[in-house]
Amino acid sequence: MREFLFEHSIPFVERNIRQDSQAKEELLRLTGKLVVPAFAVDGHWFFGYDPERLESLVSCYQVS
């Protein structure tokens, strides 16, 4: 996931729920799940690494 984001110049904040209990609590509060990777786009949450879905999201949000 990290490599995909770097390759597409997508800014992100990486938080490790195994090492950061506050991040774990926040993820659970926001999503009701403890599934990683997790990311939000315009308030919609996505879970897991799915390269096809990521490519689709990137193409939808590319700025010319």
PDB file of N, CA and C in Angstrom:
ATOM      1  N   MET A   1       0.834  -1.173   0.000  1.00  0.00           N
ATOM      2  CA  MET A   1       0.000   0.000   0.000  1.00  0.00           C
ATOM      3  C   MET A   1       0.886   1.247   0.000  1.00  0.00           C
ATOM      4  N   ARG A   2       1.869   1.268   0.874  1.00  0.00           N
ATOM      5  CA  ARG A   2       2.760   2.427   0.982  1.00  0.00           C
ATOM      6  C   ARG A   2       3.435   2.716  -0.360  1.00  0.00           C
ATOM      7  N   GLU A   3       3.921   1.662  -1.028  1.00  0.00           N
ATOM      8  CA  GLU A   3       4.582   1.847  -2.321  1.00  0.00           C
ATOM      9  C   GLU A   3       3.613   2.414  -3.357  1.00  0.00           C
ATOM     10  N   PHE A   4       2.389   1.927  -3.369  1.00  0.00           N
ATOM     11  CA  PHE A   4       1.386   2.432  -4.309  1.00  0.00           C
ATOM     12  C   PHE A   4       1.172   3.926  -4.086  1.00  0.00           C
ATOM     13  N   LEU A   5       1.015   4.327  -2.847  1.00  0.00           N
ATOM     14  CA  LEU A   5       0.777   5.743  -2.538  1.00  0.00           C
ATOM     15  C   LEU A   5       1.966   6.606  -2.942  1.00  0.00           C
ATOM     16  N   PHE A   6       3.181   6.133  -2.657  1.00  0.00           N
ATOM     17  CA  PHE A   6       4.378   6.872  -3.070  1.00  0.00           C
ATOM     18  C   PHE A   6       4.441   7.010  -4.593  1.00  0.00           C
ATOM     19  N   GLU A   7       4.198   5.896  -5.306  1.00  0.00           N
ATOM     20  CA  GLU A   7       4.280   5.899  -6.765  1.00  0.00           C
ATOM     21  C   GLU A   7       3.303   6.888  -7.397  1.00  0.00           C
ATOM     22  N   HIS A   8       2.174   7.108  -6.741  1.00  0.00           N
ATOM     23  CA  HIS A   8       1.152   7.997  -7.288  1.00  0.00           C
ATOM     24  C   HIS A   8       1.153   9.375  -6.609  1.00  0.00           C
ATOM     25  N   SER A   9       2.191   9.642  -5.825  1.00  0.00           N
ATOM     26  CA  SER A   9       2.350  10.938  -5.142  1.00  0.00           C
ATOM     27  C   SER A   9       1.108  11.311  -4.324  1.00  0.00           C
ATOM     28  N   ILE A  10       0.580  10.322  -3.617  1.00  0.00           N
ATOM     29  CA  ILE A  10      -0.598  10.532  -2.785  1.00  0.00           C
ATOM     30  C   ILE A  10      -0.136  10.719  -1.342  1.00  0.00           C
ATOM     31  N   PRO A  11      -0.420  11.874  -0.756  1.00  0.00           N
ATOM     32  CA  PRO A  11      -0.008  12.093   0.637  1.00  0.00           C
ATOM     33  C   PRO A  11      -0.831  11.198   1.572  1.00  0.00           C
ATOM     34  N   PHE A  12      -0.180  10.731   2.628  1.00  0.00           N
ATOM     35  CA  PHE A  12      -0.874   9.879   3.589  1.00  0.00           C
ATOM     36  C   PHE A  12      -0.204   9.974   4.947  1.00  0.00           C
ATOM     37  N   VAL A  13      -0.950   9.552   5.957  1.00  0.00           N
ATOM     38  CA  VAL A  13      -0.423   9.455   7.308  1.00  0.00           C
ATOM     39  C   VAL A  13      -0.506   7.989   7.693  1.00  0.00           C
ATOM     40  N   GLU A  14       0.633   7.415   8.007  1.00  0.00           N
ATOM     41  CA  GLU A  14       0.679   6.008   8.383  1.00  0.00           C
ATOM     42  C   GLU A  14       0.586   5.892   9.899  1.00  0.00           C
ATOM     43  N   ARG A  15      -0.353   5.059  10.346  1.00  0.00           N
ATOM     44  CA  ARG A  15      -0.511   4.820  11.781  1.00  0.00           C
ATOM     45  C   ARG A  15      -0.581   3.316  11.995  1.00  0.00           C
ATOM     46  N   ASN A  16       0.132   2.830  12.983  1.00  0.00           N
ATOM     47  CA  ASN A  16       0.210   1.398  13.257  1.00  0.00           C
ATOM     48  C   ASN A  16      -0.659   1.064  14.467  1.00  0.00           C
ATOM     49  N   ILE A  17      -1.760   0.340  14.238  1.00  0.00           N
ATOM     50  CA  ILE A  17      -2.676   0.053  15.341  1.00  0.00           C
ATOM     51  C   ILE A  17      -2.114  -0.977  16.318  1.00  0.00           C
ATOM     52  N   ARG A  18      -1.055  -1.659  15.933  1.00  0.00           N
ATOM     53  CA  ARG A  18      -0.404  -2.603  16.872  1.00  0.00           C
ATOM     54  C   ARG A  18       0.497  -1.870  17.859  1.00  0.00           C
ATOM     55  N   GLN A  19       1.003  -0.724  17.447  1.00  0.00           N
ATOM     56  CA  GLN A  19       1.930   0.026  18.279  1.00  0.00           C
ATOM     57  C   GLN A  19       1.308   1.267  18.902  1.00  0.00           C
ATOM     58  N   ASP A  20       0.171   1.693  18.387  1.00  0.00           N
ATOM     59  CA  ASP A  20      -0.451   2.943  18.826  1.00  0.00           C
ATOM     60  C   ASP A  20      -1.899   2.666  19.236  1.00  0.00           C
ATOM     61  N   SER A  21      -2.122   2.538  20.536  1.00  0.00           N
ATOM     62  CA  SER A  21      -3.462   2.203  21.027  1.00  0.00           C
ATOM     63  C   SER A  21      -4.479   3.296  20.690  1.00  0.00           C
ATOM     64  N   GLN A  22      -4.041   4.542  20.628  1.00  0.00           N
ATOM     65  CA  GLN A  22      -4.941   5.627  20.268  1.00  0.00           C
ATOM     66  C   GLN A  22      -5.399   5.477  18.806  1.00  0.00           C
ATOM     67  N   ALA A  23      -4.498   5.093  17.931  1.00  0.00           N
ATOM     68  CA  ALA A  23      -4.845   4.868  16.522  1.00  0.00           C
ATOM     69  C   ALA A  23      -5.821   3.704  16.406  1.00  0.00           C
ATOM     70  N   LYS A  24      -5.603   2.672  17.198  1.00  0.00           N
ATOM     71  CA  LYS A  24      -6.495   1.511  17.198  1.00  0.00           C
ATOM     72  C   LYS A  24      -7.898   1.907  17.647  1.00  0.00           C
ATOM     73  N   GLU A  25      -7.987   2.653  18.719  1.00  0.00           N
ATOM     74  CA  GLU A  25      -9.286   3.105  19.225  1.00  0.00           C
ATOM     75  C   GLU A  25      -9.987   4.004  18.210  1.00  0.00           C
ATOM     76  N   GLU A  26      -9.227   4.889  17.556  1.00  0.00           N
ATOM     77  CA  GLU A  26      -9.813   5.800  16.584  1.00  0.00           C
ATOM     78  C   GLU A  26     -10.347   5.040  15.372  1.00  0.00           C
ATOM     79  N   LEU A  27      -9.585   4.077  14.876  1.00  0.00           N
ATOM     80  CA  LEU A  27     -10.033   3.284  13.736  1.00  0.00           C
ATOM     81  C   LEU A  27     -11.321   2.536  14.079  1.00  0.00           C
ATOM     82  N   LEU A  28     -11.363   1.947  15.245  1.00  0.00           N
ATOM     83  CA  LEU A  28     -12.552   1.221  15.677  1.00  0.00           C
ATOM     84  C   LEU A  28     -13.747   2.164  15.821  1.00  0.00           C
ATOM     85  N   ARG A  29     -13.515   3.331  16.373  1.00  0.00           N
ATOM     86  CA  ARG A  29     -14.587   4.315  16.550  1.00  0.00           C
ATOM     87  C   ARG A  29     -15.118   4.812  15.206  1.00  0.00           C
ATOM     88  N   LEU A  30     -14.213   5.081  14.273  1.00  0.00           N
ATOM     89  CA  LEU A  30     -14.610   5.640  12.982  1.00  0.00           C
ATOM     90  C   LEU A  30     -15.256   4.616  12.048  1.00  0.00           C
ATOM     91  N   THR A  31     -14.803   3.369  12.131  1.00  0.00           N
ATOM     92  CA  THR A  31     -15.228   2.380  11.141  1.00  0.00           C
ATOM     93  C   THR A  31     -15.989   1.195  11.728  1.00  0.00           C
ATOM     94  N   GLY A  32     -15.822   0.967  13.030  1.00  0.00           N
ATOM     95  CA  GLY A  32     -16.417  -0.220  13.634  1.00  0.00           C
ATOM     96  C   GLY A  32     -15.642  -1.483  13.308  1.00  0.00           C
ATOM     97  N   LYS A  33     -14.459  -1.326  12.699  1.00  0.00           N
ATOM     98  CA  LYS A  33     -13.641  -2.469  12.286  1.00  0.00           C
ATOM     99  C   LYS A  33     -12.188  -2.250  12.677  1.00  0.00           C
ATOM    100  N   LEU A  34     -11.477  -3.356  12.824  1.00  0.00           N
ATOM    101  CA  LEU A  34     -10.029  -3.308  13.015  1.00  0.00           C
ATOM    102  C   LEU A  34      -9.377  -4.042  11.846  1.00  0.00           C
ATOM    103  N   VAL A  35      -9.606  -3.530  10.653  1.00  0.00           N
ATOM    104  CA  VAL A  35      -9.073  -4.118   9.431  1.00  0.00           C
ATOM    105  C   VAL A  35      -8.089  -3.123   8.835  1.00  0.00           C
ATOM    106  N   VAL A  36      -6.909  -3.613   8.480  1.00  0.00           N
ATOM    107  CA  VAL A  36      -5.904  -2.765   7.861  1.00  0.00           C
ATOM    108  C   VAL A  36      -5.397  -3.427   6.591  1.00  0.00           C
ATOM    109  N   PRO A  37      -4.938  -2.675   5.617  1.00  0.00           N
ATOM    110  CA  PRO A  37      -4.966  -1.227   5.629  1.00  0.00           C
ATOM    111  C   PRO A  37      -6.389  -0.699   5.501  1.00  0.00           C
ATOM    112  N   ALA A  38      -6.581   0.470   6.054  1.00  0.00           N
ATOM    113  CA  ALA A  38      -7.862   1.168   5.974  1.00  0.00           C
ATOM    114  C   ALA A  38      -7.574   2.598   5.543  1.00  0.00           C
ATOM    115  N   PHE A  39      -8.423   3.116   4.666  1.00  0.00           N
ATOM    116  CA  PHE A  39      -8.238   4.499   4.242  1.00  0.00           C
ATOM    117  C   PHE A  39      -9.584   5.089   3.853  1.00  0.00           C
ATOM    118  N   ALA A  40      -9.654   6.391   3.945  1.00  0.00           N
ATOM    119  CA  ALA A  40     -10.899   7.095   3.626  1.00  0.00           C
ATOM    120  C   ALA A  40     -10.673   8.025   2.441  1.00  0.00           C
ATOM    121  N   VAL A  41     -11.674   8.089   1.577  1.00  0.00           N
ATOM    122  CA  VAL A  41     -11.684   9.014   0.445  1.00  0.00           C
ATOM    123  C   VAL A  41     -13.034   9.710   0.477  1.00  0.00           C
ATOM    124  N   ASP A  42     -13.005  11.010   0.683  1.00  0.00           N
ATOM    125  CA  ASP A  42     -14.243  11.794   0.760  1.00  0.00           C
ATOM    126  C   ASP A  42     -15.244  11.198   1.741  1.00  0.00           C
ATOM    127  N   GLY A  43     -14.743  10.740   2.885  1.00  0.00           N
ATOM    128  CA  GLY A  43     -15.618  10.217   3.926  1.00  0.00           C
ATOM    129  C   GLY A  43     -16.054   8.772   3.740  1.00  0.00           C
ATOM    130  N   HIS A  44     -15.625   8.128   2.665  1.00  0.00           N
ATOM    131  CA  HIS A  44     -15.961   6.725   2.419  1.00  0.00           C
ATOM    132  C   HIS A  44     -14.752   5.866   2.778  1.00  0.00           C
ATOM    133  N   TRP A  45     -14.964   4.848   3.606  1.00  0.00           N
ATOM    134  CA  TRP A  45     -13.877   3.997   4.070  1.00  0.00           C
ATOM    135  C   TRP A  45     -13.692   2.798   3.164  1.00  0.00           C
ATOM    136  N   PHE A  46     -12.426   2.438   2.950  1.00  0.00           N
ATOM    137  CA  PHE A  46     -12.040   1.272   2.164  1.00  0.00           C
ATOM    138  C   PHE A  46     -11.067   0.455   3.003  1.00  0.00           C
ATOM    139  N   PHE A  47     -11.126  -0.869   2.835  1.00  0.00           N
ATOM    140  CA  PHE A  47     -10.303  -1.762   3.647  1.00  0.00           C
ATOM    141  C   PHE A  47      -9.580  -2.764   2.759  1.00  0.00           C
ATOM    142  N   GLY A  48      -8.348  -3.076   3.162  1.00  0.00           N
ATOM    143  CA  GLY A  48      -7.557  -4.054   2.431  1.00  0.00           C
ATOM    144  C   GLY A  48      -6.830  -3.427   1.261  1.00  0.00           C
ATOM    145  N   TYR A  49      -5.887  -4.174   0.723  1.00  0.00           N
ATOM    146  CA  TYR A  49      -5.099  -3.714  -0.417  1.00  0.00           C
ATOM    147  C   TYR A  49      -5.673  -4.333  -1.684  1.00  0.00           C
ATOM    148  N   ASP A  50      -6.311  -3.510  -2.490  1.00  0.00           N
ATOM    149  CA  ASP A  50      -6.925  -3.938  -3.741  1.00  0.00           C
ATOM    150  C   ASP A  50      -6.413  -3.009  -4.842  1.00  0.00           C
ATOM    151  N   PRO A  51      -5.351  -3.412  -5.539  1.00  0.00           N
ATOM    152  CA  PRO A  51      -4.731  -2.528  -6.535  1.00  0.00           C
ATOM    153  C   PRO A  51      -5.705  -2.028  -7.604  1.00  0.00           C
ATOM    154  N   GLU A  52      -6.626  -2.855  -8.039  1.00  0.00           N
ATOM    155  CA  GLU A  52      -7.577  -2.415  -9.068  1.00  0.00           C
ATOM    156  C   GLU A  52      -8.474  -1.303  -8.540  1.00  0.00           C
ATOM    157  N   ARG A  53      -8.962  -1.453  -7.327  1.00  0.00           N
ATOM    158  CA  ARG A  53      -9.812  -0.415  -6.740  1.00  0.00           C
ATOM    159  C   ARG A  53      -9.011   0.868  -6.540  1.00  0.00           C
ATOM    160  N   LEU A  54      -7.767   0.726  -6.082  1.00  0.00           N
ATOM    161  CA  LEU A  54      -6.925   1.902  -5.873  1.00  0.00           C
ATOM    162  C   LEU A  54      -6.676   2.640  -7.184  1.00  0.00           C
ATOM    163  N   GLU A  55      -6.387   1.904  -8.249  1.00  0.00           N
ATOM    164  CA  GLU A  55      -6.178   2.539  -9.552  1.00  0.00           C
ATOM    165  C   GLU A  55      -7.438   3.284  -9.985  1.00  0.00           C
ATOM    166  N   SER A  56      -8.591   2.686  -9.740  1.00  0.00           N
ATOM    167  CA  SER A  56      -9.856   3.319 -10.096  1.00  0.00           C
ATOM    168  C   SER A  56     -10.059   4.608  -9.308  1.00  0.00           C
ATOM    169  N   LEU A  57      -9.772   4.576  -8.014  1.00  0.00           N
ATOM    170  CA  LEU A  57      -9.915   5.770  -7.186  1.00  0.00           C
ATOM    171  C   LEU A  57      -8.957   6.862  -7.630  1.00  0.00           C
ATOM    172  N   VAL A  58      -7.719   6.474  -7.929  1.00  0.00           N
ATOM    173  CA  VAL A  58      -6.724   7.453  -8.375  1.00  0.00           C
ATOM    174  C   VAL A  58      -7.184   8.115  -9.657  1.00  0.00           C
ATOM    175  N   SER A  59      -7.703   7.343 -10.597  1.00  0.00           N
ATOM    176  CA  SER A  59      -8.130   7.924 -11.871  1.00  0.00           C
ATOM    177  C   SER A  59      -9.330   8.852 -11.686  1.00  0.00           C
ATOM    178  N   CYS A  60     -10.179   8.567 -10.709  1.00  0.00           N
ATOM    179  CA  CYS A  60     -11.342   9.425 -10.446  1.00  0.00           C
ATOM    180  C   CYS A  60     -10.954  10.753  -9.816  1.00  0.00           C
ATOM    181  N   TYR A  61      -9.841  10.779  -9.086  1.00  0.00           N
ATOM    182  CA  TYR A  61      -9.471  11.969  -8.332  1.00  0.00           C
ATOM    183  C   TYR A  61      -8.239  12.689  -8.889  1.00  0.00           C
ATOM    184  N   GLN A  62      -7.782  12.301 -10.067  1.00  0.00           N
ATOM    185  CA  GLN A  62      -6.628  12.981 -10.650  1.00  0.00           C
ATOM    186  C   GLN A  62      -7.015  14.395 -11.052  1.00  0.00           C
ATOM    187  N   VAL A  63      -6.105  15.316 -10.750  1.00  0.00           N
ATOM    188  CA  VAL A  63      -6.311  16.721 -11.095  1.00  0.00           C
ATOM    189  C   VAL A  63      -5.414  17.050 -12.269  1.00  0.00           C
ATOM    190  N   SER A  64      -5.983  17.683 -13.258  1.00  0.00           N
ATOM    191  CA  SER A  64      -5.185  18.055 -14.451  1.00  0.00           C
ATOM    192  C   SER A  64      -4.410  19.317 -14.204  1.00  0.00           C
TER     193      SER A  64
END
